[in-house]
Amino acid sequence: MTHADHGILTLVNLGQDIEISTVNDDHSRFALPVTAYLVVTAQVVSAQCCATDSEYKAPAATLIDNGLVFAARFRSRP
């Protein structure tokens, strides 16, 4: 099983937020990819999971966070 997660790191000296996206092996806790973006979107997460699956083999299951990049249907529309 893998676990996908998303977080925000604030670079105080630059006044910039960086979004961190990770996919972890749930058994070993090994971080498969850890990537940083200015904005993480559902497309970024999808591409990252597909690339991880092709490199390490598709997991039996994937656990995801409930952040907007995983559940965009909860985002309000303008």
C-alpha atoms as a PDB file:
ATOM      1  CA  MET A   1       0.000   0.000   0.000  1.00  0.00           C
ATOM      2  CA  THR A   2       1.162   3.520  -0.681  1.00  0.00           C
ATOM      3  CA  HIS A   3       0.160   6.747   1.012  1.00  0.00           C
ATOM      4  CA  ALA A   4      -0.011  10.008  -0.955  1.00  0.00           C
ATOM      5  CA  ASP A   5       0.212  13.253   0.977  1.00  0.00           C
ATOM      6  CA  HIS A   6       0.457  16.976   0.397  1.00  0.00           C
ATOM      7  CA  GLY A   7       1.780  19.788   2.558  1.00  0.00           C
ATOM      8  CA  ILE A   8       2.858  23.419   2.421  1.00  0.00           C
ATOM      9  CA  LEU A   9       6.290  24.722   3.391  1.00  0.00           C
ATOM     10  CA  THR A  10       6.737  28.477   3.798  1.00  0.00           C
ATOM     11  CA  LEU A  11      10.140  29.843   2.821  1.00  0.00           C
ATOM     12  CA  VAL A  12      10.251  32.838   5.134  1.00  0.00           C
ATOM     13  CA  ASN A  13      13.321  34.448   3.607  1.00  0.00           C
ATOM     14  CA  LEU A  14      11.647  34.398   0.161  1.00  0.00           C
ATOM     15  CA  GLY A  15       8.096  35.036   1.353  1.00  0.00           C
ATOM     16  CA  GLN A  16       7.012  32.098  -0.788  1.00  0.00           C
ATOM     17  CA  ASP A  17       4.883  29.043  -0.088  1.00  0.00           C
ATOM     18  CA  ILE A  18       6.102  25.789  -1.639  1.00  0.00           C
ATOM     19  CA  GLU A  19       3.756  22.827  -1.885  1.00  0.00           C
ATOM     20  CA  ILE A  20       5.287  19.422  -1.186  1.00  0.00           C
ATOM     21  CA  SER A  21       3.788  16.260  -2.664  1.00  0.00           C
ATOM     22  CA  THR A  22       4.901  12.814  -1.504  1.00  0.00           C
ATOM     23  CA  VAL A  23       4.079   9.175  -2.100  1.00  0.00           C
ATOM     24  CA  ASN A  24       5.223   6.875   0.720  1.00  0.00           C
ATOM     25  CA  ASP A  25       5.431   3.106   0.979  1.00  0.00           C
ATOM     26  CA  ASP A  26       3.080   2.485   3.900  1.00  0.00           C
ATOM     27  CA  HIS A  27       5.034  -0.556   5.139  1.00  0.00           C
ATOM     28  CA  SER A  28       8.618   0.755   5.127  1.00  0.00           C
ATOM     29  CA  ARG A  29       7.678   4.496   5.305  1.00  0.00           C
ATOM     30  CA  PHE A  30      10.160   4.996   2.440  1.00  0.00           C
ATOM     31  CA  ALA A  31       9.374   8.193   0.546  1.00  0.00           C
ATOM     32  CA  LEU A  32       9.199   7.130  -3.078  1.00  0.00           C
ATOM     33  CA  PRO A  33       9.060  10.584  -4.710  1.00  0.00           C
ATOM     34  CA  VAL A  34       9.154  13.858  -2.791  1.00  0.00           C
ATOM     35  CA  THR A  35       8.566  16.799  -5.090  1.00  0.00           C
ATOM     36  CA  ALA A  36       8.091  20.525  -4.599  1.00  0.00           C
ATOM     37  CA  TYR A  37       5.886  22.806  -6.680  1.00  0.00           C
ATOM     38  CA  LEU A  38       4.577  26.346  -6.527  1.00  0.00           C
ATOM     39  CA  VAL A  39       1.078  24.860  -6.892  1.00  0.00           C
ATOM     40  CA  VAL A  40       0.094  21.191  -6.661  1.00  0.00           C
ATOM     41  CA  THR A  41      -2.907  20.290  -8.808  1.00  0.00           C
ATOM     42  CA  ALA A  42      -4.878  17.089  -9.289  1.00  0.00           C
ATOM     43  CA  GLN A  43      -3.041  16.613 -12.604  1.00  0.00           C
ATOM     44  CA  VAL A  44       0.330  16.824 -10.817  1.00  0.00           C
ATOM     45  CA  VAL A  45      -0.778  14.260  -8.219  1.00  0.00           C
ATOM     46  CA  SER A  46      -2.129  11.935 -10.912  1.00  0.00           C
ATOM     47  CA  ALA A  47       1.080  12.145 -12.955  1.00  0.00           C
ATOM     48  CA  GLN A  48       3.209  11.607  -9.844  1.00  0.00           C
ATOM     49  CA  CYS A  49       1.227   8.514  -8.797  1.00  0.00           C
ATOM     50  CA  CYS A  50       1.367   7.058 -12.327  1.00  0.00           C
ATOM     51  CA  ALA A  51       5.140   7.641 -12.534  1.00  0.00           C
ATOM     52  CA  THR A  52       5.624   6.032  -9.118  1.00  0.00           C
ATOM     53  CA  ASP A  53       3.511   3.028 -10.149  1.00  0.00           C
ATOM     54  CA  SER A  54       5.510   2.531 -13.335  1.00  0.00           C
ATOM     55  CA  GLU A  55       8.837   2.741 -11.499  1.00  0.00           C
ATOM     56  CA  TYR A  56       8.024   0.737  -8.351  1.00  0.00           C
ATOM     57  CA  LYS A  57       5.030  -1.410  -9.440  1.00  0.00           C
ATOM     58  CA  ALA A  58       1.401  -0.524  -8.773  1.00  0.00           C
ATOM     59  CA  PRO A  59       0.416  -1.020  -5.120  1.00  0.00           C
ATOM     60  CA  ALA A  60      -2.492  -3.185  -3.978  1.00  0.00           C
ATOM     61  CA  ALA A  61      -4.093  -0.050  -2.498  1.00  0.00           C
ATOM     62  CA  THR A  62      -3.429   3.670  -2.120  1.00  0.00           C
ATOM     63  CA  LEU A  63      -4.397   5.795   0.859  1.00  0.00           C
ATOM     64  CA  ILE A  64      -4.802   9.494   0.116  1.00  0.00           C
ATOM     65  CA  ASP A  65      -5.197  12.686   2.086  1.00  0.00           C
ATOM     66  CA  ASN A  66      -8.459  14.658   1.984  1.00  0.00           C
ATOM     67  CA  GLY A  67      -6.784  17.822   0.685  1.00  0.00           C
ATOM     68  CA  LEU A  68      -8.192  19.696  -2.309  1.00  0.00           C
ATOM     69  CA  VAL A  69      -5.650  18.164  -4.692  1.00  0.00           C
ATOM     70  CA  PHE A  70      -7.205  14.770  -3.909  1.00  0.00           C
ATOM     71  CA  ALA A  71     -10.852  15.859  -3.579  1.00  0.00           C
ATOM     72  CA  ALA A  72     -11.275  18.833  -5.918  1.00  0.00           C
ATOM     73  CA  ARG A  73     -15.055  18.402  -5.895  1.00  0.00           C
ATOM     74  CA  PHE A  74     -15.078  20.243  -2.543  1.00  0.00           C
ATOM     75  CA  ARG A  75     -13.449  23.341  -4.034  1.00  0.00           C
ATOM     76  CA  SER A  76     -15.872  26.243  -4.409  1.00  0.00           C
ATOM     77  CA  ARG A  77     -16.494  27.595  -7.880  1.00  0.00           C
ATOM     78  CA  PRO A  78     -16.010  31.303  -8.670  1.00  0.00           C
END
